[in-house]
């Protein structure tokens, strides 16, 4: 069932229509974004929200890329093990 929610990021409200199971994930993601924004503003003396948002986007994209690489490596290792097992049969 879809529902309307408001997500606040960098001082702005974003109304969204989401499935009920998506709401928690979006709220967690918004909190994570806010955490990064605050960290970048404090640690790097960033005064413009756009700069903090850009740094946050870069950080999150970097994390995603690392996760995807790890997943790809795991899949390659699994395939190699399957091939070894197949040869033994």
C-alpha atoms as a PDB file:
ATOM      1  CA  UNK A   1       0.000   0.000   0.000  1.00  0.00           C
ATOM      2  CA  UNK A   2       1.400   3.409  -0.931  1.00  0.00           C
ATOM      3  CA  UNK A   3       1.486   6.323   1.453  1.00  0.00           C
ATOM      4  CA  UNK A   4       2.646   9.917   1.527  1.00  0.00           C
ATOM      5  CA  UNK A   5       5.613  10.788   3.697  1.00  0.00           C
ATOM      6  CA  UNK A   6       7.887  13.784   4.135  1.00  0.00           C
ATOM      7  CA  UNK A   7      11.639  13.365   4.229  1.00  0.00           C
ATOM      8  CA  UNK A   8      13.767  16.266   5.435  1.00  0.00           C
ATOM      9  CA  UNK A   9      17.258  16.625   3.996  1.00  0.00           C
ATOM     10  CA  UNK A  10      19.533  19.639   4.379  1.00  0.00           C
ATOM     11  CA  UNK A  11      16.734  21.770   5.768  1.00  0.00           C
ATOM     12  CA  UNK A  12      14.262  21.011   2.998  1.00  0.00           C
ATOM     13  CA  UNK A  13      11.177  18.826   3.030  1.00  0.00           C
ATOM     14  CA  UNK A  14      10.636  16.341   0.252  1.00  0.00           C
ATOM     15  CA  UNK A  15       7.144  14.855  -0.033  1.00  0.00           C
ATOM     16  CA  UNK A  16       7.242  11.311  -1.368  1.00  0.00           C
ATOM     17  CA  UNK A  17       4.747   8.597  -2.181  1.00  0.00           C
ATOM     18  CA  UNK A  18       6.208   5.254  -1.157  1.00  0.00           C
ATOM     19  CA  UNK A  19       5.218   1.713  -0.418  1.00  0.00           C
ATOM     20  CA  UNK A  20       4.897   1.117   3.322  1.00  0.00           C
ATOM     21  CA  UNK A  21       7.900  -1.228   3.351  1.00  0.00           C
ATOM     22  CA  UNK A  22      10.109   1.494   1.787  1.00  0.00           C
ATOM     23  CA  UNK A  23       9.429   4.120   4.440  1.00  0.00           C
ATOM     24  CA  UNK A  24      11.856   2.822   7.062  1.00  0.00           C
ATOM     25  CA  UNK A  25      14.648   2.436   4.521  1.00  0.00           C
ATOM     26  CA  UNK A  26      14.146   6.007   3.263  1.00  0.00           C
ATOM     27  CA  UNK A  27      14.085   7.421   6.778  1.00  0.00           C
ATOM     28  CA  UNK A  28      17.306   5.592   7.656  1.00  0.00           C
ATOM     29  CA  UNK A  29      18.902   6.836   4.431  1.00  0.00           C
ATOM     30  CA  UNK A  30      17.836  10.421   5.167  1.00  0.00           C
ATOM     31  CA  UNK A  31      19.352  10.198   8.668  1.00  0.00           C
ATOM     32  CA  UNK A  32      22.582   8.882   7.169  1.00  0.00           C
ATOM     33  CA  UNK A  33      22.659  11.761   4.676  1.00  0.00           C
ATOM     34  CA  UNK A  34      22.079  14.281   7.483  1.00  0.00           C
ATOM     35  CA  UNK A  35      24.879  12.681   9.511  1.00  0.00           C
ATOM     36  CA  UNK A  36      27.316  13.017   6.602  1.00  0.00           C
ATOM     37  CA  UNK A  37      26.243  16.603   5.918  1.00  0.00           C
ATOM     38  CA  UNK A  38      26.853  17.547   9.547  1.00  0.00           C
ATOM     39  CA  UNK A  39      30.204  15.759   9.583  1.00  0.00           C
ATOM     40  CA  UNK A  40      31.413  17.472   6.416  1.00  0.00           C
ATOM     41  CA  UNK A  41      30.209  20.888   7.583  1.00  0.00           C
ATOM     42  CA  UNK A  42      32.057  20.520  10.899  1.00  0.00           C
ATOM     43  CA  UNK A  43      35.241  18.759   9.780  1.00  0.00           C
ATOM     44  CA  UNK A  44      35.835  20.688   6.570  1.00  0.00           C
ATOM     45  CA  UNK A  45      34.357  24.058   7.534  1.00  0.00           C
ATOM     46  CA  UNK A  46      31.823  23.869   4.715  1.00  0.00           C
ATOM     47  CA  UNK A  47      29.216  26.616   4.848  1.00  0.00           C
ATOM     48  CA  UNK A  48      27.301  25.887   1.633  1.00  0.00           C
ATOM     49  CA  UNK A  49      24.754  23.077   1.806  1.00  0.00           C
ATOM     50  CA  UNK A  50      25.361  22.291  -1.858  1.00  0.00           C
ATOM     51  CA  UNK A  51      29.018  21.543  -1.139  1.00  0.00           C
ATOM     52  CA  UNK A  52      28.113  19.356   1.842  1.00  0.00           C
ATOM     53  CA  UNK A  53      25.533  17.535  -0.288  1.00  0.00           C
ATOM     54  CA  UNK A  54      28.080  16.988  -3.062  1.00  0.00           C
ATOM     55  CA  UNK A  55      30.590  15.554  -0.596  1.00  0.00           C
ATOM     56  CA  UNK A  56      27.858  13.364   0.883  1.00  0.00           C
ATOM     57  CA  UNK A  57      26.907  12.084  -2.574  1.00  0.00           C
ATOM     58  CA  UNK A  58      30.556  11.277  -3.268  1.00  0.00           C
ATOM     59  CA  UNK A  59      30.925   9.456   0.056  1.00  0.00           C
ATOM     60  CA  UNK A  60      27.782   7.384  -0.459  1.00  0.00           C
ATOM     61  CA  UNK A  61      28.703   6.582  -4.077  1.00  0.00           C
ATOM     62  CA  UNK A  62      32.137   5.467  -2.888  1.00  0.00           C
ATOM     63  CA  UNK A  63      30.584   3.195  -0.264  1.00  0.00           C
ATOM     64  CA  UNK A  64      28.252   1.700  -2.856  1.00  0.00           C
ATOM     65  CA  UNK A  65      31.117   1.112  -5.285  1.00  0.00           C
ATOM     66  CA  UNK A  66      33.099  -0.702  -2.578  1.00  0.00           C
ATOM     67  CA  UNK A  67      30.108  -2.902  -1.754  1.00  0.00           C
ATOM     68  CA  UNK A  68      29.583  -3.741  -5.432  1.00  0.00           C
ATOM     69  CA  UNK A  69      33.252  -4.630  -5.880  1.00  0.00           C
ATOM     70  CA  UNK A  70      33.213  -6.886  -2.823  1.00  0.00           C
ATOM     71  CA  UNK A  71      30.065  -8.586  -4.095  1.00  0.00           C
ATOM     72  CA  UNK A  72      31.616  -9.087  -7.517  1.00  0.00           C
ATOM     73  CA  UNK A  73      34.761 -10.609  -5.988  1.00  0.00           C
ATOM     74  CA  UNK A  74      32.661 -12.930  -3.840  1.00  0.00           C
ATOM     75  CA  UNK A  75      30.699 -14.046  -6.889  1.00  0.00           C
ATOM     76  CA  UNK A  76      33.925 -14.753  -8.784  1.00  0.00           C
ATOM     77  CA  UNK A  77      35.229 -16.820  -5.868  1.00  0.00           C
ATOM     78  CA  UNK A  78      31.987 -18.783  -5.728  1.00  0.00           C
ATOM     79  CA  UNK A  79      32.126 -19.471  -9.471  1.00  0.00           C
ATOM     80  CA  UNK A  80      35.710 -20.707  -9.181  1.00  0.00           C
ATOM     81  CA  UNK A  81      34.728 -23.050  -6.362  1.00  0.00           C
ATOM     82  CA  UNK A  82      31.780 -24.355  -8.375  1.00  0.00           C
ATOM     83  CA  UNK A  83      34.092 -25.021 -11.338  1.00  0.00           C
ATOM     84  CA  UNK A  84      36.530 -26.898  -9.097  1.00  0.00           C
ATOM     85  CA  UNK A  85      33.711 -28.976  -7.657  1.00  0.00           C
ATOM     86  CA  UNK A  86      32.370 -29.689 -11.156  1.00  0.00           C
ATOM     87  CA  UNK A  87      35.791 -30.940 -12.247  1.00  0.00           C
ATOM     88  CA  UNK A  88      35.887 -33.300  -9.295  1.00  0.00           C
ATOM     89  CA  UNK A  89      32.566 -34.825 -10.318  1.00  0.00           C
END
